[in-house]
Protein backbone atom coordinates (compact mmCIF):
# COMPACT_ATOMS: atom_id res chain seq x y z
CA MET A 1 -62.39 154.62 51.56
CA PRO A 2 -62.15 153.65 47.85
CA LYS A 3 -60.41 150.31 47.08
CA LYS A 4 -57.80 151.98 44.87
CA ILE A 5 -56.61 154.20 47.70
CA LYS A 6 -56.42 151.22 50.11
CA LYS A 7 -54.22 149.32 47.65
CA ILE A 8 -51.96 152.33 47.27
CA ILE A 9 -51.49 152.59 51.08
CA ARG A 10 -51.06 148.82 51.74
CA LYS A 11 -48.43 148.23 49.08
CA PRO A 12 -45.65 150.41 50.60
CA ILE A 13 -46.47 149.10 54.10
CA ARG A 14 -46.04 145.48 52.93
CA LYS A 15 -42.72 146.33 51.27
CA THR A 16 -41.50 147.99 54.46
CA ILE A 17 -42.43 144.97 56.63
CA LYS A 18 -40.82 142.57 54.17
CA SER A 19 -37.67 144.66 54.04
CA THR A 20 -37.51 144.79 57.86
CA ARG A 21 -37.86 140.99 58.12
CA THR A 22 -35.10 140.46 55.56
CA SER A 23 -32.85 142.85 57.43
CA LEU A 24 -33.44 141.09 60.75
CA VAL A 25 -32.71 137.66 59.24
CA SER A 26 -29.54 138.98 57.63
CA THR A 27 -28.43 140.58 60.90
CA LYS A 28 -29.06 137.35 62.80
CA GLN A 29 -27.10 135.30 60.25
CA THR A 30 -24.19 137.77 60.40
CA SER A 31 -24.21 137.68 64.19
CA ASN A 32 -24.16 133.87 64.22
CA LYS A 33 -21.35 133.84 61.71
CA ASN A 34 -19.29 136.21 63.85
CA LEU A 35 -19.84 134.01 66.89
CA TYR A 36 -18.62 130.98 64.95
CA ILE A 37 -15.49 132.85 63.89
CA ILE A 38 -14.75 134.06 67.44
CA GLY A 39 -15.27 130.53 68.83
CA ALA A 40 -12.93 129.05 66.25
CA MET A 41 -10.27 131.64 67.05
CA LEU A 42 -10.51 130.91 70.78
CA THR A 43 -10.26 127.16 70.13
CA VAL A 44 -7.13 127.62 67.99
CA ALA A 45 -5.60 129.91 70.61
CA ALA A 46 -6.29 127.40 73.40
CA LEU A 47 -4.80 124.54 71.40
CA GLY A 48 -1.72 126.64 70.67
CA TYR A 49 -1.28 127.53 74.35
CA PHE A 50 -1.51 123.95 75.59
CA THR A 51 0.81 122.76 72.82
CA TYR A 52 3.36 125.38 73.87
CA ARG A 53 3.08 124.40 77.53
CA SER A 54 3.53 120.69 76.80
CA LEU A 55 6.55 121.20 74.53
CA PHE A 56 8.47 123.91 76.38
CA ARG A 57 7.69 123.54 80.08
CA PRO A 58 10.65 122.47 82.30
CA GLN A 59 10.93 118.70 82.53
CA THR A 60 11.35 117.06 85.95
CA ILE A 61 12.94 113.74 86.77
CA ASP A 62 10.71 111.08 88.27
CA ILE A 63 12.57 110.01 91.41
CA ASN A 64 10.97 107.18 93.35
CA GLN A 65 11.66 105.04 96.38
CA ILE A 66 13.91 102.00 96.24
CA THR A 67 11.96 99.39 94.31
CA GLY A 68 13.99 96.24 94.64
CA GLY A 69 17.47 96.75 95.97
CA THR A 70 18.99 96.78 92.50
CA GLY A 71 20.93 100.04 92.96
CA THR A 72 24.57 100.20 91.93
CA VAL A 73 25.48 103.88 92.34
CA THR A 74 27.33 104.91 95.51
CA LEU A 75 27.63 108.26 97.29
CA ALA A 76 30.28 109.10 99.89
CA LEU A 77 31.24 112.16 101.90
CA THR A 78 35.05 112.40 101.83
CA PRO A 79 36.94 112.34 104.13
CA ALA A 80 34.68 110.19 106.28
CA THR A 81 36.48 111.30 109.44
CA SER A 82 38.60 114.38 110.01
CA THR A 83 39.51 116.94 112.66
CA GLN A 84 39.13 120.71 112.59
CA ALA A 85 39.60 123.48 115.12
CA SER A 86 36.50 124.90 116.77
CA ASN A 87 34.51 127.40 114.66
CA THR A 88 36.73 126.92 111.61
CA THR A 89 35.74 125.14 108.40
CA ARG A 90 37.05 122.58 105.95
CA ASN A 91 35.82 121.09 102.68
CA VAL A 92 34.01 117.77 102.56
CA THR A 93 33.40 116.49 99.03
CA LEU A 94 30.34 114.52 98.00
CA GLU A 95 31.74 111.86 95.70
CA ILE A 96 29.64 109.74 93.35
CA ASN A 97 30.58 106.50 91.64
CA ALA A 98 28.17 105.44 88.91
CA GLY A 99 30.34 102.83 87.22
CA THR A 100 28.93 102.15 83.76
CA LYS A 101 25.44 103.48 84.60
CA HIS A 102 24.30 106.81 83.14
CA VAL A 103 23.21 109.10 85.98
CA SER A 104 20.45 111.49 84.90
CA GLY A 105 19.76 113.12 88.26
CA ALA A 106 20.52 113.10 91.97
CA GLN A 107 18.36 114.34 94.83
CA ILE A 108 20.41 114.92 98.00
CA GLU A 109 19.22 115.38 101.59
CA ILE A 110 21.78 115.57 104.40
CA THR A 111 21.09 116.40 108.03
CA PHE A 112 23.36 118.24 110.49
CA ASP A 113 23.08 119.63 114.01
CA SER A 114 23.09 123.42 113.76
CA THR A 115 24.26 123.67 117.38
CA LYS A 116 27.37 121.63 116.56
CA CYS A 117 28.12 122.52 112.93
CA VAL A 118 29.13 125.81 111.35
CA THR A 119 26.40 126.68 108.81
CA PRO A 120 27.31 124.62 105.70
CA ILE A 121 28.01 126.19 102.30
CA VAL A 122 27.39 123.98 99.25
CA THR A 123 29.20 124.39 95.93
CA ALA A 124 28.21 122.39 92.86
CA GLY A 125 30.72 119.88 91.53
CA THR A 126 31.53 118.92 87.96
CA PHE A 127 29.83 115.52 87.71
CA LEU A 128 26.34 116.82 86.84
CA THR A 129 26.72 120.11 85.00
CA GLY A 130 23.07 120.73 84.06
CA ASN A 131 20.86 123.33 85.68
CA PRO A 132 19.77 122.38 89.21
CA LEU A 133 16.21 121.11 89.32
CA VAL A 134 16.03 122.16 92.98
CA PRO A 135 18.49 124.87 94.12
CA VAL A 136 20.60 124.33 97.23
CA ASN A 137 18.73 125.01 100.46
CA VAL A 138 20.35 124.96 103.90
CA ALA A 139 17.78 125.36 106.66
CA ASN A 140 16.39 123.64 109.77
CA GLY A 141 19.34 121.29 110.03
CA LYS A 142 19.06 120.00 106.46
CA ILE A 143 20.97 120.39 103.22
CA THR A 144 18.80 119.71 100.17
CA PHE A 145 19.37 120.06 96.44
CA THR A 146 18.70 118.20 93.19
CA TYR A 147 21.12 118.22 90.26
CA ALA A 148 20.49 116.86 86.76
CA ALA A 149 22.59 116.02 83.74
CA PRO A 150 22.13 118.13 80.58
CA PRO A 151 19.19 116.70 78.58
CA ALA A 152 21.27 115.93 75.49
CA SER A 153 24.17 114.34 77.40
CA GLY A 154 22.57 110.93 77.91
CA GLY A 155 23.66 110.93 81.56
CA ALA A 156 27.00 110.99 83.38
CA THR A 157 29.09 107.84 83.94
CA GLY A 158 32.13 106.95 86.01
CA ASN A 159 32.98 108.81 89.19
CA GLY A 160 33.38 112.44 90.17
CA THR A 161 32.45 115.20 92.58
CA LEU A 162 28.76 115.96 92.90
CA ALA A 163 29.21 118.85 95.36
CA THR A 164 31.52 120.31 97.98
CA ILE A 165 30.24 121.09 101.48
CA THR A 166 32.18 123.59 103.57
CA THR A 167 31.56 123.34 107.31
CA GLY A 168 33.22 122.53 110.62
CA PRO A 169 32.62 121.85 114.31
CA LYS A 170 31.54 124.48 116.81
CA SER A 171 32.01 123.06 120.29
CA ALA A 172 31.46 119.38 119.49
CA ALA A 173 31.83 116.93 116.61
CA CYS A 174 29.89 117.88 113.48
CA SER A 175 28.14 114.97 111.70
CA LEU A 176 26.81 115.04 108.13
CA VAL A 177 24.25 112.27 107.70
CA PHE A 178 22.32 111.20 104.59
CA THR A 179 18.56 110.66 104.92
CA PRO A 180 16.35 108.09 103.10
CA ASN A 181 15.18 110.97 100.89
CA THR A 182 18.42 110.74 98.91
CA TYR A 183 17.83 109.34 95.42
CA VAL A 184 19.79 108.76 92.23
CA THR A 185 18.21 108.08 88.84
CA THR A 186 19.87 106.62 85.78
CA THR A 187 18.77 106.30 82.18
CA GLU A 188 18.76 102.54 82.77
CA ASN A 189 16.34 102.91 85.71
CA LEU A 190 14.17 106.02 85.44
CA THR A 191 11.39 104.68 87.66
CA GLY A 192 13.43 103.58 90.70
CA ASN A 193 16.25 104.58 93.01
CA SER A 194 19.61 103.48 91.61
CA LEU A 195 21.42 104.32 94.84
CA ALA A 196 23.21 101.38 96.47
CA SER A 197 24.75 103.17 99.46
CA ALA A 198 25.56 106.60 100.90
CA SER A 199 28.38 107.10 103.43
CA ASP A 200 28.28 109.85 106.08
CA ALA A 201 31.07 112.03 107.50
CA VAL A 202 32.12 113.33 110.92
CA ILE A 203 34.35 116.34 111.60
CA SER A 204 35.72 116.18 115.14
CA LEU A 205 37.53 118.65 117.33
CA PRO A 206 41.21 117.89 117.72
CA GLY A 207 41.86 116.21 121.08
CA ALA A 208 44.48 117.44 123.49
CA PRO A 209 47.85 115.83 122.67
CA SER A 210 48.53 112.83 124.88
CA PRO A 211 51.81 113.36 126.81
CA THR A 212 54.29 110.52 127.04
CA PRO A 213 53.89 108.90 130.47
CA THR A 214 56.83 109.67 132.74
CA LEU A 215 57.71 107.28 135.56
CA THR A 216 58.96 108.99 138.71
CA PRO A 217 61.06 106.59 140.81
CA SER A 218 60.29 106.48 144.47
CA SER A 219 62.29 104.81 147.19
CA SER A 220 59.18 104.19 149.23
CA PRO A 221 56.05 104.08 147.03
CA ASN A 222 52.76 104.77 148.76
CA PRO A 223 50.59 101.65 148.74
CA SER A 224 47.12 101.96 147.33
CA PRO A 225 44.53 102.14 150.08
CA THR A 226 42.48 99.03 150.61
CA PRO A 227 38.96 99.64 149.22
CA SER A 228 36.27 99.87 151.83
CA LEU A 229 33.74 97.15 151.13
CA LYS A 230 30.07 97.25 151.98
CA PRO A 231 28.91 94.42 154.25
CA CYS A 232 26.90 91.65 152.69
CA ALA A 233 23.22 91.30 153.30
CA SER A 234 22.32 88.60 155.79
CA LYS A 235 20.33 86.66 153.21
CA LEU A 236 23.43 86.00 151.07
CA THR A 237 25.38 82.79 151.43
CA PRO A 238 29.14 83.00 152.10
CA ALA A 239 29.86 82.24 148.41
CA GLN A 240 27.42 84.92 147.21
CA CYS A 241 28.92 87.40 149.66
CA GLN A 242 32.43 86.70 148.39
CA GLU A 243 31.29 87.21 144.77
CA TYR A 244 29.49 90.41 145.72
CA GLN A 245 32.56 91.85 147.49
CA SER A 246 34.87 90.85 144.64
CA ARG A 247 32.67 92.82 142.24
CA GLN A 248 32.91 95.80 144.56
CA VAL A 249 36.70 95.56 144.48
CA THR A 250 36.67 95.47 140.67
CA ILE A 251 34.42 98.54 140.44
CA LEU A 252 36.44 100.50 143.01
CA GLU A 253 39.69 99.59 141.26
CA LYS A 254 38.31 100.87 137.95
CA VAL A 255 37.24 104.12 139.63
CA GLN A 256 40.74 104.55 141.08
CA GLN A 257 42.32 103.83 137.70
CA PHE A 258 40.07 106.37 136.03
CA ASN A 259 40.88 109.05 138.63
CA THR A 260 44.61 108.40 138.27
CA CYS A 261 44.33 108.65 134.49
CA ARG A 262 42.30 111.86 134.76
CA GLU A 263 44.96 113.50 136.94
CA THR A 264 47.70 112.51 134.47
CA HIS A 265 46.11 112.85 131.03
CA GLY A 266 42.93 114.85 131.50
CA LEU A 267 39.23 113.98 131.55
CA SER A 268 38.62 113.88 127.74
CA TYR A 269 41.46 111.47 127.07
CA CYS A 270 40.51 109.07 129.86
CA TYR A 271 36.84 109.12 128.96
CA ALA A 272 37.68 108.22 125.35
CA GLN A 273 39.93 105.38 126.51
CA SER A 274 37.27 103.94 128.81
CA ARG A 275 34.58 103.69 126.11
């Protein structure tokens, strides 16, 4: 083939190859640039998301165990003792006294016997008016909730009602007892328990009214029978036997007194008097 014809054929082929290489390089550069842009956008989006979560997520109060016995805030269920008819209810208020401390939150856990107490109902008081961090839960013999002061309030001082518990006895006394999982935090002590004490409450069934004793005169009163004493063991000395029999007399006399009381006043009254 003549040289002129070869030159004519090679020239367009070289231009085509060169053009293809340029196009591939340009495409690769564009692709890399797009990847950089997408990566930057994802990074910005991730930073924005985590910033949002850190600024606007709900804040919780750090409530810890007692750290040194420096608590000054007191809790008390009021009244501490009361009576209520069976299967009826009354209100028991949970009072708090913070003094000059600024209470930021209170975590409450109170136990009760579900076989003895009417299922409690808890109503929030006015001392801590912020949203509850942990809503009221009454289950498995426990009352639990956590209240907090509004964030901008700086904490609540003085005394007031934290909550009202409505319950009563079923067939026996109903006790409301605080557990060690009860904590109070203050702005002065955010890393420890500021609780000094927590007082429980008992709601009892009303006892049968005690009648006024009436003495019935008798012209010939019946003497009390002489207690029958068990004989002493042969190994006891006369002095030990006398002491043993005197103890028997004392025990038998107490039994007779209890039986006489039971016939006059009833079993519940006499049992309470003997304790």
